[in-house]
């Protein structure tokens, strides 16, 4: 589910959905604003998948959450 395999295509794996979400984080935004921006993306499709991807992106250091706002973390 996290990685693509023979049953899960890349766009529908959590990494693929994460890439789609990261592409839409252009500035600091709330979680609900980001959800509104990606809810129509077919790969995301459900709020539960959205939350799993946010957890993954935060865990790998791609997203930062501060003062109620999500933003892309810049490479060090």
PDB file of N, CA and C in Angstrom:
ATOM      1  N   UNK A   1       0.807  -1.188   0.000  1.00  0.00           N
ATOM      2  CA  UNK A   1       0.000   0.000   0.000  1.00  0.00           C
ATOM      3  C   UNK A   1       0.858   1.263   0.000  1.00  0.00           C
ATOM      4  N   UNK A   2       1.960   1.257   0.738  1.00  0.00           N
ATOM      5  CA  UNK A   2       2.825   2.427   0.729  1.00  0.00           C
ATOM      6  C   UNK A   2       3.576   2.488  -0.597  1.00  0.00           C
ATOM      7  N   UNK A   3       4.139   1.367  -0.985  1.00  0.00           N
ATOM      8  CA  UNK A   3       4.877   1.285  -2.242  1.00  0.00           C
ATOM      9  C   UNK A   3       4.015   0.627  -3.310  1.00  0.00           C
ATOM     10  N   UNK A   4       4.237   0.960  -4.564  1.00  0.00           N
ATOM     11  CA  UNK A   4       3.484   0.274  -5.620  1.00  0.00           C
ATOM     12  C   UNK A   4       3.940  -1.182  -5.734  1.00  0.00           C
ATOM     13  N   UNK A   5       3.037  -2.025  -6.162  1.00  0.00           N
ATOM     14  CA  UNK A   5       3.366  -3.418  -6.436  1.00  0.00           C
ATOM     15  C   UNK A   5       2.486  -3.898  -7.580  1.00  0.00           C
ATOM     16  N   UNK A   6       2.377  -5.188  -7.782  1.00  0.00           N
ATOM     17  CA  UNK A   6       1.613  -5.672  -8.933  1.00  0.00           C
ATOM     18  C   UNK A   6       0.112  -5.462  -8.768  1.00  0.00           C
ATOM     19  N   UNK A   7      -0.348  -5.196  -7.560  1.00  0.00           N
ATOM     20  CA  UNK A   7      -1.770  -4.970  -7.332  1.00  0.00           C
ATOM     21  C   UNK A   7      -2.121  -3.494  -7.145  1.00  0.00           C
ATOM     22  N   UNK A   8      -1.133  -2.675  -6.805  1.00  0.00           N
ATOM     23  CA  UNK A   8      -1.356  -1.242  -6.548  1.00  0.00           C
ATOM     24  C   UNK A   8      -0.449  -0.446  -7.483  1.00  0.00           C
ATOM     25  N   UNK A   9      -1.050   0.311  -8.388  1.00  0.00           N
ATOM     26  CA  UNK A   9      -0.284   1.148  -9.311  1.00  0.00           C
ATOM     27  C   UNK A   9       0.316   2.340  -8.564  1.00  0.00           C
ATOM     28  N   UNK A  10       1.394   2.893  -9.089  1.00  0.00           N
ATOM     29  CA  UNK A  10       2.086   4.006  -8.441  1.00  0.00           C
ATOM     30  C   UNK A  10       1.160   5.161  -8.080  1.00  0.00           C
ATOM     31  N   UNK A  11       0.295   5.632  -8.967  1.00  0.00           N
ATOM     32  CA  UNK A  11      -0.546   6.779  -8.578  1.00  0.00           C
ATOM     33  C   UNK A  11      -1.468   6.502  -7.392  1.00  0.00           C
ATOM     34  N   UNK A  12      -1.771   5.243  -7.126  1.00  0.00           N
ATOM     35  CA  UNK A  12      -2.678   4.900  -6.038  1.00  0.00           C
ATOM     36  C   UNK A  12      -1.960   4.409  -4.784  1.00  0.00           C
ATOM     37  N   UNK A  13      -0.629   4.286  -4.836  1.00  0.00           N
ATOM     38  CA  UNK A  13       0.132   3.955  -3.640  1.00  0.00           C
ATOM     39  C   UNK A  13       0.235   5.210  -2.782  1.00  0.00           C
ATOM     40  N   UNK A  14       0.581   5.047  -1.525  1.00  0.00           N
ATOM     41  CA  UNK A  14       0.686   6.221  -0.661  1.00  0.00           C
ATOM     42  C   UNK A  14       1.787   7.159  -1.130  1.00  0.00           C
ATOM     43  N   UNK A  15       2.849   6.636  -1.719  1.00  0.00           N
ATOM     44  CA  UNK A  15       3.893   7.508  -2.264  1.00  0.00           C
ATOM     45  C   UNK A  15       3.376   8.328  -3.442  1.00  0.00           C
ATOM     46  N   UNK A  16       2.603   7.707  -4.300  1.00  0.00           N
ATOM     47  CA  UNK A  16       2.044   8.416  -5.445  1.00  0.00           C
ATOM     48  C   UNK A  16       1.048   9.478  -5.026  1.00  0.00           C
ATOM     49  N   UNK A  17       0.195   9.139  -4.075  1.00  0.00           N
ATOM     50  CA  UNK A  17      -0.768  10.116  -3.563  1.00  0.00           C
ATOM     51  C   UNK A  17      -0.025  11.238  -2.846  1.00  0.00           C
ATOM     52  N   UNK A  18       1.043  10.890  -2.151  1.00  0.00           N
ATOM     53  CA  UNK A  18       1.860  11.905  -1.484  1.00  0.00           C
ATOM     54  C   UNK A  18       2.457  12.892  -2.461  1.00  0.00           C
ATOM     55  N   UNK A  19       2.894  12.409  -3.594  1.00  0.00           N
ATOM     56  CA  UNK A  19       3.433  13.306  -4.621  1.00  0.00           C
ATOM     57  C   UNK A  19       2.348  14.238  -5.142  1.00  0.00           C
ATOM     58  N   UNK A  20       1.146  13.715  -5.326  1.00  0.00           N
ATOM     59  CA  UNK A  20       0.032  14.543  -5.798  1.00  0.00           C
ATOM     60  C   UNK A  20      -0.331  15.615  -4.772  1.00  0.00           C
ATOM     61  N   UNK A  21      -0.284  15.251  -3.502  1.00  0.00           N
ATOM     62  CA  UNK A  21      -0.596  16.220  -2.453  1.00  0.00           C
ATOM     63  C   UNK A  21       0.502  17.260  -2.327  1.00  0.00           C
ATOM     64  N   UNK A  22       1.761  16.820  -2.331  1.00  0.00           N
ATOM     65  CA  UNK A  22       2.869  17.774  -2.218  1.00  0.00           C
ATOM     66  C   UNK A  22       2.878  18.788  -3.357  1.00  0.00           C
ATOM     67  N   UNK A  23       2.442  18.370  -4.526  1.00  0.00           N
ATOM     68  CA  UNK A  23       2.399  19.288  -5.660  1.00  0.00           C
ATOM     69  C   UNK A  23       1.402  20.420  -5.433  1.00  0.00           C
ATOM     70  N   UNK A  24       0.427  20.205  -4.558  1.00  0.00           N
ATOM     71  CA  UNK A  24      -0.597  21.214  -4.301  1.00  0.00           C
ATOM     72  C   UNK A  24      -0.313  22.062  -3.071  1.00  0.00           C
ATOM     73  N   UNK A  25       0.757  21.747  -2.353  1.00  0.00           N
ATOM     74  CA  UNK A  25       1.150  22.566  -1.205  1.00  0.00           C
ATOM     75  C   UNK A  25       2.112  23.636  -1.725  1.00  0.00           C
ATOM     76  N   UNK A  26       1.562  24.778  -2.093  1.00  0.00           N
ATOM     77  CA  UNK A  26       2.377  25.851  -2.654  1.00  0.00           C
ATOM     78  C   UNK A  26       2.719  26.905  -1.626  1.00  0.00           C
ATOM     79  N   UNK A  27       1.969  26.945  -0.544  1.00  0.00           N
ATOM     80  CA  UNK A  27       2.200  27.894   0.543  1.00  0.00           C
ATOM     81  C   UNK A  27       1.719  27.242   1.824  1.00  0.00           C
ATOM     82  N   UNK A  28       1.928  27.879   2.946  1.00  0.00           N
ATOM     83  CA  UNK A  28       1.416  27.343   4.206  1.00  0.00           C
ATOM     84  C   UNK A  28      -0.105  27.346   4.165  1.00  0.00           C
ATOM     85  N   UNK A  29      -0.695  26.230   4.570  1.00  0.00           N
ATOM     86  CA  UNK A  29      -2.152  26.129   4.547  1.00  0.00           C
ATOM     87  C   UNK A  29      -2.636  25.213   5.648  1.00  0.00           C
ATOM     88  N   UNK A  30      -3.893  25.375   6.005  1.00  0.00           N
ATOM     89  CA  UNK A  30      -4.488  24.506   7.014  1.00  0.00           C
ATOM     90  C   UNK A  30      -4.774  23.135   6.401  1.00  0.00           C
ATOM     91  N   UNK A  31      -4.998  22.173   7.260  1.00  0.00           N
ATOM     92  CA  UNK A  31      -5.312  20.827   6.789  1.00  0.00           C
ATOM     93  C   UNK A  31      -6.624  20.837   6.012  1.00  0.00           C
ATOM     94  N   UNK A  32      -7.603  21.582   6.497  1.00  0.00           N
ATOM     95  CA  UNK A  32      -8.891  21.621   5.801  1.00  0.00           C
ATOM     96  C   UNK A  32      -8.775  22.314   4.445  1.00  0.00           C
ATOM     97  N   UNK A  33      -7.940  23.335   4.328  1.00  0.00           N
ATOM     98  CA  UNK A  33      -7.738  23.991   3.034  1.00  0.00           C
ATOM     99  C   UNK A  33      -7.049  23.040   2.058  1.00  0.00           C
ATOM    100  N   UNK A  34      -6.091  22.266   2.549  1.00  0.00           N
ATOM    101  CA  UNK A  34      -5.423  21.285   1.692  1.00  0.00           C
ATOM    102  C   UNK A  34      -6.405  20.190   1.274  1.00  0.00           C
ATOM    103  N   UNK A  35      -7.246  19.748   2.187  1.00  0.00           N
ATOM    104  CA  UNK A  35      -8.255  18.743   1.850  1.00  0.00           C
ATOM    105  C   UNK A  35      -9.184  19.269   0.763  1.00  0.00           C
ATOM    106  N   UNK A  36      -9.613  20.518   0.890  1.00  0.00           N
ATOM    107  CA  UNK A  36     -10.468  21.114  -0.145  1.00  0.00           C
ATOM    108  C   UNK A  36      -9.758  21.154  -1.498  1.00  0.00           C
ATOM    109  N   UNK A  37      -8.444  21.347  -1.478  1.00  0.00           N
ATOM    110  CA  UNK A  37      -7.679  21.427  -2.727  1.00  0.00           C
ATOM    111  C   UNK A  37      -7.484  20.062  -3.387  1.00  0.00           C
ATOM    112  N   UNK A  38      -7.464  18.986  -2.591  1.00  0.00           N
ATOM    113  CA  UNK A  38      -7.156  17.663  -3.161  1.00  0.00           C
ATOM    114  C   UNK A  38      -8.317  16.688  -3.146  1.00  0.00           C
ATOM    115  N   UNK A  39      -9.442  17.047  -2.580  1.00  0.00           N
ATOM    116  CA  UNK A  39     -10.546  16.083  -2.454  1.00  0.00           C
ATOM    117  C   UNK A  39     -11.076  15.613  -3.798  1.00  0.00           C
ATOM    118  N   UNK A  40     -10.884  16.402  -4.854  1.00  0.00           N
ATOM    119  CA  UNK A  40     -11.373  15.997  -6.175  1.00  0.00           C
ATOM    120  C   UNK A  40     -10.333  15.203  -6.976  1.00  0.00           C
ATOM    121  N   UNK A  41      -9.137  15.040  -6.439  1.00  0.00           N
ATOM    122  CA  UNK A  41      -8.099  14.254  -7.106  1.00  0.00           C
ATOM    123  C   UNK A  41      -8.478  12.780  -6.991  1.00  0.00           C
ATOM    124  N   UNK A  42      -8.613  12.071  -8.118  1.00  0.00           N
ATOM    125  CA  UNK A  42      -9.085  10.674  -8.060  1.00  0.00           C
ATOM    126  C   UNK A  42      -8.217   9.753  -7.205  1.00  0.00           C
ATOM    127  N   UNK A  43      -6.920   9.978  -7.173  1.00  0.00           N
ATOM    128  CA  UNK A  43      -6.024   9.112  -6.405  1.00  0.00           C
ATOM    129  C   UNK A  43      -6.250   9.257  -4.896  1.00  0.00           C
ATOM    130  N   UNK A  44      -6.627  10.435  -4.461  1.00  0.00           N
ATOM    131  CA  UNK A  44      -6.829  10.660  -3.022  1.00  0.00           C
ATOM    132  C   UNK A  44      -8.120   9.985  -2.577  1.00  0.00           C
ATOM    133  N   UNK A  45      -9.208  10.321  -3.182  1.00  0.00           N
ATOM    134  CA  UNK A  45     -10.521   9.658  -3.093  1.00  0.00           C
ATOM    135  C   UNK A  45     -11.185   9.564  -1.725  1.00  0.00           C
ATOM    136  N   UNK A  46     -10.457   9.582  -0.637  1.00  0.00           N
ATOM    137  CA  UNK A  46     -11.088   9.435   0.681  1.00  0.00           C
ATOM    138  C   UNK A  46     -10.265  10.179   1.730  1.00  0.00           C
ATOM    139  N   UNK A  47     -10.955  10.696   2.729  1.00  0.00           N
ATOM    140  CA  UNK A  47     -10.285  11.439   3.785  1.00  0.00           C
ATOM    141  C   UNK A  47      -9.323  10.544   4.571  1.00  0.00           C
ATOM    142  N   UNK A  48      -9.670   9.284   4.755  1.00  0.00           N
ATOM    143  CA  UNK A  48      -8.791   8.380   5.495  1.00  0.00           C
ATOM    144  C   UNK A  48      -7.455   8.191   4.768  1.00  0.00           C
ATOM    145  N   UNK A  49      -7.479   8.103   3.445  1.00  0.00           N
ATOM    146  CA  UNK A  49      -6.243   7.988   2.661  1.00  0.00           C
ATOM    147  C   UNK A  49      -5.446   9.291   2.765  1.00  0.00           C
ATOM    148  N   UNK A  50      -6.143  10.414   2.725  1.00  0.00           N
ATOM    149  CA  UNK A  50      -5.521  11.734   2.857  1.00  0.00           C
ATOM    150  C   UNK A  50      -4.755  11.833   4.177  1.00  0.00           C
ATOM    151  N   UNK A  51      -5.380  11.398   5.269  1.00  0.00           N
ATOM    152  CA  UNK A  51      -4.740  11.454   6.581  1.00  0.00           C
ATOM    153  C   UNK A  51      -3.532  10.518   6.642  1.00  0.00           C
ATOM    154  N   UNK A  52      -3.649   9.327   6.076  1.00  0.00           N
ATOM    155  CA  UNK A  52      -2.503   8.402   6.042  1.00  0.00           C
ATOM    156  C   UNK A  52      -1.326   9.018   5.294  1.00  0.00           C
ATOM    157  N   UNK A  53      -1.615   9.667   4.184  1.00  0.00           N
ATOM    158  CA  UNK A  53      -0.544  10.279   3.394  1.00  0.00           C
ATOM    159  C   UNK A  53       0.084  11.446   4.152  1.00  0.00           C
ATOM    160  N   UNK A  54      -0.727  12.255   4.842  1.00  0.00           N
ATOM    161  CA  UNK A  54      -0.157  13.339   5.647  1.00  0.00           C
ATOM    162  C   UNK A  54       0.756  12.785   6.724  1.00  0.00           C
ATOM    163  N   UNK A  55       0.343  11.695   7.367  1.00  0.00           N
ATOM    164  CA  UNK A  55       1.194  11.050   8.372  1.00  0.00           C
ATOM    165  C   UNK A  55       2.519  10.600   7.762  1.00  0.00           C
ATOM    166  N   UNK A  56       2.444   9.977   6.596  1.00  0.00           N
ATOM    167  CA  UNK A  56       3.652   9.502   5.918  1.00  0.00           C
ATOM    168  C   UNK A  56       4.564  10.669   5.550  1.00  0.00           C
ATOM    169  N   UNK A  57       4.002  11.715   4.964  1.00  0.00           N
ATOM    170  CA  UNK A  57       4.809  12.865   4.546  1.00  0.00           C
ATOM    171  C   UNK A  57       5.459  13.558   5.738  1.00  0.00           C
ATOM    172  N   UNK A  58       4.752  13.632   6.851  1.00  0.00           N
ATOM    173  CA  UNK A  58       5.330  14.216   8.059  1.00  0.00           C
ATOM    174  C   UNK A  58       6.438  13.316   8.606  1.00  0.00           C
ATOM    175  N   UNK A  59       6.210  12.016   8.602  1.00  0.00           N
ATOM    176  CA  UNK A  59       7.191  11.070   9.151  1.00  0.00           C
ATOM    177  C   UNK A  59       8.497  11.073   8.362  1.00  0.00           C
ATOM    178  N   UNK A  60       8.403  11.256   7.041  1.00  0.00           N
ATOM    179  CA  UNK A  60       9.628  11.251   6.234  1.00  0.00           C
ATOM    180  C   UNK A  60      10.247  12.642   6.135  1.00  0.00           C
ATOM    181  N   UNK A  61       9.621  13.635   6.759  1.00  0.00           N
ATOM    182  CA  UNK A  61      10.194  14.972   6.791  1.00  0.00           C
ATOM    183  C   UNK A  61       9.876  15.841   5.591  1.00  0.00           C
ATOM    184  N   UNK A  62       8.866  15.498   4.836  1.00  0.00           N
ATOM    185  CA  UNK A  62       8.496  16.299   3.662  1.00  0.00           C
ATOM    186  C   UNK A  62       7.555  17.445   4.021  1.00  0.00           C
ATOM    187  N   UNK A  63       6.796  17.283   5.105  1.00  0.00           N
ATOM    188  CA  UNK A  63       5.866  18.313   5.552  1.00  0.00           C
ATOM    189  C   UNK A  63       6.222  18.750   6.960  1.00  0.00           C
ATOM    190  N   UNK A  64       5.933  20.010   7.236  1.00  0.00           N
ATOM    191  CA  UNK A  64       6.106  20.558   8.577  1.00  0.00           C
ATOM    192  C   UNK A  64       4.743  21.056   9.045  1.00  0.00           C
ATOM    193  N   UNK A  65       4.433  20.884  10.312  1.00  0.00           N
ATOM    194  CA  UNK A  65       3.179  21.350  10.881  1.00  0.00           C
ATOM    195  C   UNK A  65       3.511  22.268  12.041  1.00  0.00           C
ATOM    196  N   UNK A  66       3.160  23.544  11.886  1.00  0.00           N
ATOM    197  CA  UNK A  66       3.480  24.526  12.910  1.00  0.00           C
ATOM    198  C   UNK A  66       2.379  25.570  12.965  1.00  0.00           C
ATOM    199  N   UNK A  67       1.943  25.888  14.163  1.00  0.00           N
ATOM    200  CA  UNK A  67       0.885  26.893  14.377  1.00  0.00           C
ATOM    201  C   UNK A  67      -0.368  26.600  13.571  1.00  0.00           C
ATOM    202  N   UNK A  68      -0.720  25.338  13.425  1.00  0.00           N
ATOM    203  CA  UNK A  68      -1.927  24.956  12.715  1.00  0.00           C
ATOM    204  C   UNK A  68      -1.820  24.998  11.204  1.00  0.00           C
ATOM    205  N   UNK A  69      -0.602  25.188  10.670  1.00  0.00           N
ATOM    206  CA  UNK A  69      -0.410  25.275   9.231  1.00  0.00           C
ATOM    207  C   UNK A  69       0.562  24.210   8.737  1.00  0.00           C
ATOM    208  N   UNK A  70       0.230  23.618   7.608  1.00  0.00           N
ATOM    209  CA  UNK A  70       1.126  22.683   6.934  1.00  0.00           C
ATOM    210  C   UNK A  70       1.952  23.442   5.915  1.00  0.00           C
ATOM    211  N   UNK A  71       3.214  23.080   5.798  1.00  0.00           N
ATOM    212  CA  UNK A  71       4.067  23.656   4.761  1.00  0.00           C
ATOM    213  C   UNK A  71       5.104  22.627   4.351  1.00  0.00           C
ATOM    214  N   UNK A  72       5.634  22.800   3.139  1.00  0.00           N
ATOM    215  CA  UNK A  72       6.706  21.905   2.698  1.00  0.00           C
ATOM    216  C   UNK A  72       7.956  22.211   3.507  1.00  0.00           C
ATOM    217  N   UNK A  73       8.654  21.163   3.888  1.00  0.00           N
ATOM    218  CA  UNK A  73       9.912  21.340   4.586  1.00  0.00           C
ATOM    219  C   UNK A  73      11.007  21.464   3.555  1.00  0.00           C
ATOM    220  N   UNK A  74      11.812  22.442   3.675  1.00  0.00           N
ATOM    221  CA  UNK A  74      12.912  22.682   2.741  1.00  0.00           C
ATOM    222  C   UNK A  74      14.062  21.738   3.041  1.00  0.00           C
ATOM    223  N   UNK A  75      14.730  21.213   1.999  1.00  0.00           N
ATOM    224  CA  UNK A  75      15.883  20.334   2.249  1.00  0.00           C
ATOM    225  C   UNK A  75      16.998  21.065   2.979  1.00  0.00           C
ATOM    226  N   UNK A  76      17.644  20.356   3.883  1.00  0.00           N
ATOM    227  CA  UNK A  76      18.718  20.978   4.666  1.00  0.00           C
ATOM    228  C   UNK A  76      20.022  20.933   3.933  1.00  0.00           C
TER     229      UNK A  76
END
